[in-house]
Protein backbone atom coordinates (compact mmCIF):
# COMPACT_ATOMS: atom_id res chain seq x y z
CA MET A 1 0.09 0.27 -0.11
CA GLN A 2 1.49 3.57 -1.13
CA ASP A 3 2.52 5.73 1.86
CA THR A 4 0.82 9.06 1.61
CA VAL A 5 2.27 10.50 4.83
CA VAL A 6 5.39 12.02 4.24
CA PRO A 7 7.27 12.81 8.29
CA PRO A 8 9.22 15.58 8.86
CA GLY A 9 13.25 15.62 7.94
CA LYS A 10 16.59 15.25 9.24
CA GLY A 11 16.93 18.49 11.31
CA ALA A 12 12.92 19.32 11.75
CA LEU A 13 12.18 21.12 15.16
CA THR A 14 11.25 17.75 17.86
CA GLU A 15 9.08 17.91 21.29
CA GLU A 16 12.69 17.42 23.19
CA GLY A 17 14.09 20.64 21.27
CA MET A 18 11.37 22.77 21.87
CA ASP A 19 11.26 25.99 24.23
CA PRO A 20 9.52 24.67 27.41
CA PHE A 21 8.61 28.42 28.05
CA VAL A 22 6.84 28.54 24.61
CA ASP A 23 2.92 30.03 24.55
CA LEU A 24 1.41 27.68 21.86
CA HIS A 25 -1.51 29.37 21.51
CA ALA A 26 0.24 32.81 20.43
CA GLU A 27 2.86 30.37 18.32
CA ILE A 28 0.41 28.60 16.64
CA ASP A 29 -1.79 31.89 15.96
CA ARG A 30 1.42 33.51 14.68
CA LEU A 31 1.98 30.94 12.41
CA ARG A 32 -1.31 30.55 11.01
CA ARG A 33 -1.26 34.06 10.12
CA GLU A 34 2.25 34.29 8.55
CA LYS A 35 1.76 31.03 6.86
CA ASN A 36 -1.50 31.57 5.67
CA ALA A 37 -3.04 28.12 7.06
CA VAL A 38 -6.63 26.88 8.27
CA ILE A 39 -6.77 24.90 11.34
CA LEU A 40 -9.46 22.04 10.96
CA ALA A 41 -10.57 19.92 14.18
CA HIS A 42 -12.90 17.05 13.96
CA PHE A 43 -15.53 16.93 16.57
CA TYR A 44 -13.66 14.13 18.78
CA GLN A 45 -10.47 16.25 19.16
CA ASP A 46 -9.90 17.23 22.48
CA SER A 47 -11.75 20.48 23.52
CA GLU A 48 -8.61 22.74 23.31
CA ILE A 49 -7.89 21.91 20.04
CA GLN A 50 -11.47 22.30 19.22
CA ASP A 51 -11.31 25.90 20.59
CA LEU A 52 -8.26 27.05 18.67
CA ALA A 53 -9.50 25.88 15.60
CA ASP A 54 -11.02 27.76 12.59
CA PHE A 55 -13.41 25.16 11.77
CA VAL A 56 -15.00 22.24 13.96
CA GLY A 57 -16.70 19.37 12.30
CA ASP A 58 -17.00 16.06 10.61
CA SER A 59 -14.18 15.10 8.29
CA LEU A 60 -15.99 15.81 5.14
CA GLU A 61 -17.75 19.01 6.28
CA LEU A 62 -14.08 20.11 7.24
CA SER A 63 -12.43 19.41 4.17
CA ARG A 64 -15.32 21.31 2.35
CA LYS A 65 -14.77 24.05 4.44
CA ALA A 66 -11.03 23.89 3.28
CA GLN A 67 -11.94 24.63 0.02
CA ALA A 68 -13.68 27.57 1.00
CA THR A 69 -11.04 29.30 2.16
CA ASP A 70 -7.68 30.50 0.30
CA ALA A 71 -5.35 29.01 2.51
CA GLY A 72 -2.01 27.46 1.11
CA ILE A 73 -1.85 25.12 4.23
CA ILE A 74 -4.51 23.21 5.74
CA VAL A 75 -3.63 21.42 9.59
CA PHE A 76 -6.11 18.78 9.85
CA CYS A 77 -6.39 17.76 13.28
CA GLY A 78 -8.22 14.53 13.15
CA VAL A 79 -7.06 11.11 12.08
CA ARG A 80 -5.26 10.12 8.68
CA PHE A 81 -8.33 9.00 6.02
CA MET A 82 -9.88 12.49 6.86
CA GLY A 83 -6.45 14.22 5.84
CA GLU A 84 -6.18 12.41 3.11
CA ALA A 85 -9.51 13.12 2.15
CA ALA A 86 -8.63 16.77 2.22
CA LYS A 87 -5.73 16.15 0.03
CA ILE A 88 -7.91 14.28 -2.69
CA LEU A 89 -10.39 17.61 -2.68
CA ASN A 90 -7.47 20.20 -2.69
CA PRO A 91 -4.32 18.73 -4.79
CA SER A 92 -2.74 21.94 -4.39
CA ARG A 93 -2.65 22.76 -0.82
CA THR A 94 -0.24 21.54 1.77
CA VAL A 95 -2.22 19.05 4.14
CA LEU A 96 -0.29 18.66 7.51
CA LEU A 97 -1.86 16.15 10.38
CA PRO A 98 -0.06 16.75 13.61
CA ASP A 99 0.81 13.05 14.03
CA ALA A 100 1.43 10.53 11.48
CA GLU A 101 0.10 7.53 13.49
CA ALA A 102 -3.09 8.77 13.89
CA GLY A 103 -5.26 6.44 12.01
CA CYS A 104 -8.55 4.57 12.54
CA SER A 105 -9.38 0.91 13.42
CA LEU A 106 -11.76 0.92 10.59
CA GLU A 107 -9.11 1.94 8.00
CA ASP A 108 -6.83 -0.66 9.56
CA SER A 109 -9.37 -3.62 9.27
CA CYS A 110 -9.53 -3.16 5.50
CA GLN A 111 -6.44 -3.32 3.59
CA PRO A 112 -6.39 -2.62 -0.06
CA GLU A 113 -5.04 -5.61 -1.03
CA ASP A 114 -7.67 -7.40 0.91
CA PHE A 115 -10.26 -5.47 0.06
CA ARG A 116 -9.33 -5.85 -3.73
CA ALA A 117 -9.53 -9.40 -3.10
CA PHE A 118 -12.98 -9.39 -1.55
CA ARG A 119 -14.97 -7.43 -4.62
CA ASP A 120 -13.18 -9.94 -6.95
CA LYS A 121 -14.82 -12.74 -5.15
CA HIS A 122 -18.08 -10.71 -5.67
CA PRO A 123 -18.65 -9.71 -9.09
CA GLY A 124 -21.48 -7.63 -10.16
CA HIS A 125 -21.35 -6.05 -6.78
CA LEU A 126 -21.51 -2.53 -6.51
CA SER A 127 -19.09 -1.37 -3.55
CA ILE A 128 -20.22 1.08 -1.48
CA THR A 129 -17.61 2.60 0.92
CA TYR A 130 -17.47 4.14 3.85
CA ILE A 131 -15.50 7.73 4.14
CA ASN A 132 -13.69 5.61 7.20
CA CYS A 133 -11.09 4.57 4.47
CA SER A 134 -7.55 4.98 3.12
CA ALA A 135 -7.31 6.74 0.10
CA ALA A 136 -6.19 3.28 -1.73
CA VAL A 137 -9.30 1.21 -0.94
CA LYS A 138 -11.72 4.53 -2.16
CA ALA A 139 -9.79 4.26 -5.44
CA LEU A 140 -11.17 0.54 -5.72
CA SER A 141 -14.76 1.43 -4.78
CA ASP A 142 -18.04 2.54 -6.64
CA ILE A 143 -19.06 5.37 -4.24
CA ILE A 144 -18.03 6.65 -1.11
CA VAL A 145 -20.81 7.43 1.81
CA THR A 146 -20.78 9.24 5.15
CA SER A 147 -22.91 8.08 8.20
CA SER A 148 -24.88 11.18 7.19
CA ASN A 149 -25.94 10.54 3.33
CA ALA A 150 -25.45 7.03 3.27
CA GLU A 151 -29.35 6.21 3.64
CA ALA A 152 -30.13 8.21 0.93
CA ILE A 153 -27.30 7.09 -1.29
CA ILE A 154 -28.34 3.65 -0.86
CA ARG A 155 -32.39 4.10 -1.45
CA GLN A 156 -31.25 5.22 -4.63
CA ILE A 157 -29.78 1.77 -6.05
CA PRO A 158 -32.28 -0.86 -7.51
CA GLU A 159 -33.57 -3.40 -5.52
CA ASP A 160 -31.78 -6.01 -7.38
CA GLN A 161 -28.15 -4.65 -7.49
CA PRO A 162 -25.77 -6.69 -5.03
CA ILE A 163 -24.03 -4.21 -2.28
CA LEU A 164 -20.78 -4.58 -1.03
CA PHE A 165 -20.88 -2.58 2.38
CA ALA A 166 -17.19 -1.68 3.69
CA PRO A 167 -15.67 -1.42 5.98
CA ASP A 168 -17.87 -1.29 9.39
CA ARG A 169 -20.20 -3.78 9.86
CA TYR A 170 -22.17 -2.27 12.44
CA LEU A 171 -22.75 0.44 10.36
CA GLY A 172 -23.54 -1.41 7.44
CA GLY A 173 -26.09 -3.68 9.87
CA TYR A 174 -27.82 -0.76 10.45
CA LEU A 175 -28.41 0.20 7.09
CA ASN A 176 -29.45 -3.08 6.11
CA ARG A 177 -32.31 -2.80 8.91
CA ILE A 178 -33.57 1.06 8.01
CA THR A 179 -33.56 0.02 3.49
CA GLY A 180 -34.62 -3.53 3.78
CA ARG A 181 -30.90 -4.24 2.06
CA ASN A 182 -29.48 -6.96 2.73
CA MET A 183 -25.82 -5.49 1.68
CA MET A 184 -22.71 -8.33 1.98
CA LEU A 185 -20.79 -6.83 5.12
CA TRP A 186 -16.99 -6.38 5.50
CA PRO A 187 -16.12 -7.24 8.82
CA GLY A 188 -14.46 -3.83 10.44
CA THR A 189 -15.65 -2.14 13.31
CA CYS A 190 -14.53 1.34 15.25
CA ILE A 191 -12.76 0.26 18.62
CA VAL A 192 -14.42 3.27 20.34
CA HIS A 193 -17.95 2.74 19.29
CA GLU A 194 -17.59 -0.96 20.11
CA GLN A 195 -16.89 -0.92 23.94
CA PHE A 196 -20.29 0.46 25.07
CA SER A 197 -21.92 -1.56 27.21
CA GLU A 198 -25.75 -2.72 26.90
CA ARG A 199 -26.03 -3.88 30.17
CA GLU A 200 -24.61 -0.98 31.95
CA LEU A 201 -26.45 1.48 29.49
CA VAL A 202 -29.64 -0.04 30.96
CA LYS A 203 -28.17 1.03 34.37
CA LEU A 204 -27.62 4.33 33.38
CA LYS A 205 -30.95 4.95 32.11
CA VAL A 206 -32.57 3.56 35.08
CA HIS A 207 -30.64 6.17 37.47
CA HIS A 208 -31.57 8.70 34.70
CA PRO A 209 -35.17 8.04 33.59
CA SER A 210 -35.79 11.58 31.83
CA ALA A 211 -32.62 11.39 29.75
CA LEU A 212 -32.55 10.41 26.09
CA VAL A 213 -30.20 7.96 24.17
CA VAL A 214 -28.20 9.41 21.41
CA ALA A 215 -25.99 6.97 18.81
CA HIS A 216 -23.83 6.71 16.17
CA PRO A 217 -24.73 4.12 14.01
CA GLU A 218 -21.15 2.42 14.71
CA CYS A 219 -22.48 1.52 18.07
CA PRO A 220 -23.39 -2.52 18.00
CA GLU A 221 -26.96 -3.12 17.34
CA ALA A 222 -27.50 -3.76 21.05
CA ILE A 223 -26.97 -0.03 21.58
CA LEU A 224 -28.60 1.24 19.00
CA ASN A 225 -31.90 -0.27 20.22
CA LEU A 226 -31.88 1.43 23.02
CA ALA A 227 -31.68 4.79 21.13
CA ASP A 228 -34.03 7.51 21.07
CA HIS A 229 -32.11 8.71 18.24
CA VAL A 230 -29.48 7.65 15.66
CA GLY A 231 -27.61 9.69 13.53
CA SER A 232 -24.14 10.99 12.15
CA THR A 233 -21.98 13.15 14.84
CA LYS A 234 -23.38 16.53 13.22
CA SER A 235 -27.30 14.96 13.35
CA ILE A 236 -26.56 14.07 17.06
CA LEU A 237 -24.98 17.79 17.55
CA ASN A 238 -28.14 19.13 16.30
CA PHE A 239 -30.89 16.64 17.99
CA THR A 240 -29.44 17.54 21.38
CA GLN A 241 -29.57 21.32 20.43
CA THR A 242 -33.25 21.48 19.03
CA ASN A 243 -34.72 18.59 21.32
CA LYS A 244 -36.27 20.06 24.12
CA ALA A 245 -35.12 17.35 26.87
CA GLU A 246 -33.09 18.32 29.30
CA LYS A 247 -30.64 15.33 29.71
CA PHE A 248 -28.80 12.93 26.94
CA ILE A 249 -26.66 10.10 27.04
CA ILE A 250 -24.10 10.23 24.38
CA ALA A 251 -22.97 6.78 22.99
CA THR A 252 -20.20 8.20 20.59
CA GLU A 253 -16.89 9.69 21.17
CA PRO A 254 -17.11 11.65 24.07
CA HIS A 255 -14.83 14.94 22.87
CA ILE A 256 -18.42 15.83 21.10
CA ILE A 257 -19.89 16.70 24.18
CA HIS A 258 -17.45 19.91 24.19
CA GLN A 259 -19.94 21.52 21.19
CA MET A 260 -23.05 20.70 22.91
CA GLN A 261 -22.19 22.34 26.05
CA LYS A 262 -21.29 25.14 23.83
CA ALA A 263 -24.46 24.81 22.01
CA ALA A 264 -26.85 23.98 25.13
CA PRO A 265 -24.79 25.00 28.02
CA ASN A 266 -28.20 24.46 30.53
CA LYS A 267 -28.63 20.83 29.36
CA THR A 268 -26.80 18.07 31.04
CA PHE A 269 -25.11 15.49 28.44
CA ILE A 270 -23.51 11.98 29.90
CA THR A 271 -21.36 9.57 28.23
CA ALA A 272 -22.45 6.32 28.09
CA PRO A 273 -20.63 3.64 29.88
CA GLY A 274 -18.16 1.19 28.80
CA VAL A 275 -17.95 -2.81 30.35
CA ASP A 276 -17.26 -1.58 33.54
CA GLY A 277 -19.29 1.15 34.03
CA ASP A 278 -16.34 3.47 34.38
CA CYS A 279 -13.81 3.75 32.06
CA ASP A 280 -12.40 6.21 29.59
CA CYS A 281 -12.50 3.37 26.65
CA ALA A 282 -15.05 5.76 24.53
CA ASN A 283 -11.67 8.02 24.05
CA CYS A 284 -10.78 7.99 20.83
CA PRO A 285 -6.50 6.82 21.07
CA TYR A 286 -5.66 7.96 17.84
CA MET A 287 -8.01 11.18 17.92
CA GLU A 288 -5.98 11.88 21.06
CA LYS A 289 -2.19 11.44 19.50
CA ASN A 290 -2.46 15.28 18.33
CA THR A 291 -1.64 17.47 20.81
CA LEU A 292 -1.22 21.57 20.78
CA GLU A 293 3.00 21.18 20.92
CA LYS A 294 2.22 18.50 17.61
CA ILE A 295 0.11 21.16 15.88
CA TYR A 296 2.94 24.00 16.56
CA LEU A 297 5.48 21.26 15.61
CA CYS A 298 3.97 20.35 12.37
CA MET A 299 3.42 24.02 11.09
CA VAL A 300 7.05 24.76 11.88
CA ASN A 301 8.49 22.06 10.21
CA GLU A 302 5.33 21.89 7.60
CA ALA A 303 4.98 18.08 8.28
CA PRO A 304 3.57 15.44 8.46
CA TYR A 305 2.23 16.06 5.11
CA PHE A 306 0.11 14.11 2.58
CA GLN A 307 1.75 13.59 -1.05
CA MET A 308 0.07 11.53 -2.92
CA ASP A 309 0.07 10.02 -6.87
CA GLU A 310 -2.10 11.94 -8.82
CA ALA A 311 -3.57 8.34 -10.74
CA LEU A 312 -4.29 7.44 -7.19
CA ARG A 313 -5.90 10.54 -5.85
CA LEU A 314 -8.43 11.15 -9.15
CA ALA A 315 -8.88 7.23 -8.76
CA ALA A 316 -10.17 7.73 -5.57
CA LEU A 317 -11.72 11.48 -6.22
CA LYS A 318 -14.30 9.35 -8.52
CA PRO A 319 -16.67 7.76 -6.09
CA LEU A 320 -16.30 10.84 -3.63
CA GLN A 321 -17.47 12.91 -6.55
CA ARG A 322 -20.27 10.11 -7.50
CA MET A 323 -21.32 10.17 -3.67
CA MET A 324 -21.61 13.95 -3.92
CA ASP A 325 -23.85 13.71 -6.94
CA MET A 326 -25.68 11.07 -4.73
CA SER A 327 -26.17 13.28 -2.08
CA PRO A 328 -29.14 15.71 -0.98
CA PRO A 329 -29.46 19.14 -2.94
CA ALA A 330 -27.99 20.89 -0.09
CA VAL A 331 -24.47 19.08 -0.02
CA GLN A 332 -22.00 20.80 -2.42
CA THR A 333 -20.10 18.86 -5.24
CA PRO A 334 -16.47 19.11 -4.12
CA GLN A 335 -14.77 19.81 -7.46
CA SER A 336 -10.92 19.92 -6.65
CA SER A 337 -9.47 22.61 -5.76
CA ALA A 338 -6.77 24.59 -7.89
CA ALA A 339 -5.88 27.17 -5.41
């Protein structure tokens, strides 16, 4: 598999070589101005990173936000597949990732060579692939989807057309149930969302009977069956803002609660429990690799950065473009940025 992330070179500034008294917020702001950079942060990033970002959102939304700016440098505070998507949509811009090791269990579970073999074993199947995958897997797919547009896109596919869905089997299973399809599912899972405990969630609901449960569809079916609302990160955020309930149990990565509290400070948000009822197992270890220090260093070094073969980029752009063409009208089509 082609490595699209280029690490800092010899002589680059490291954490060990940093001035221990440096004002990180001030220096990041200075570099942002001097280098014409835009900082993007996913909902699952630490609250301090969310607050310094120019834009906070889900991965595809952030890539589109970057396109709308004239920034020459995009600092993507998220994970690897998100930065890759930003590079696919913004080929002439420098896209930085604070930590080159910030991966994703779903991406890891679906390697390109295995995915190609999976497709070869099922000729005649349309490949619908969740955006949480590598550029190489995107390039082998027919249509990319997000958790917010997957249902609408699947409903446009003729019922007699067999479908492969990868890499999240829980999201795929949920989509099968709500659309009545029988898509063949890749067996990948998100290490964060599969940690939630049905038993502990029931106990928590007993203690908080007025609380509504909101869940991301990457959760196992047992958790989704207990949810009052199932949706993407943006959908969950909107639901907690607009619903009249005053208390919510959140079954997704808990850093999104920072945005919920900012939008609805008088409401109460409780993290859904893991298997022992009291753990930080819902925190994404890959998202937590990004820190203020690493954001500063990547801006100083202008690395790690994404470098992608143009043939791979164009192949990965095609199913992304098809997704946008099939998405609801409110979603803008992401033409490749040339500036």
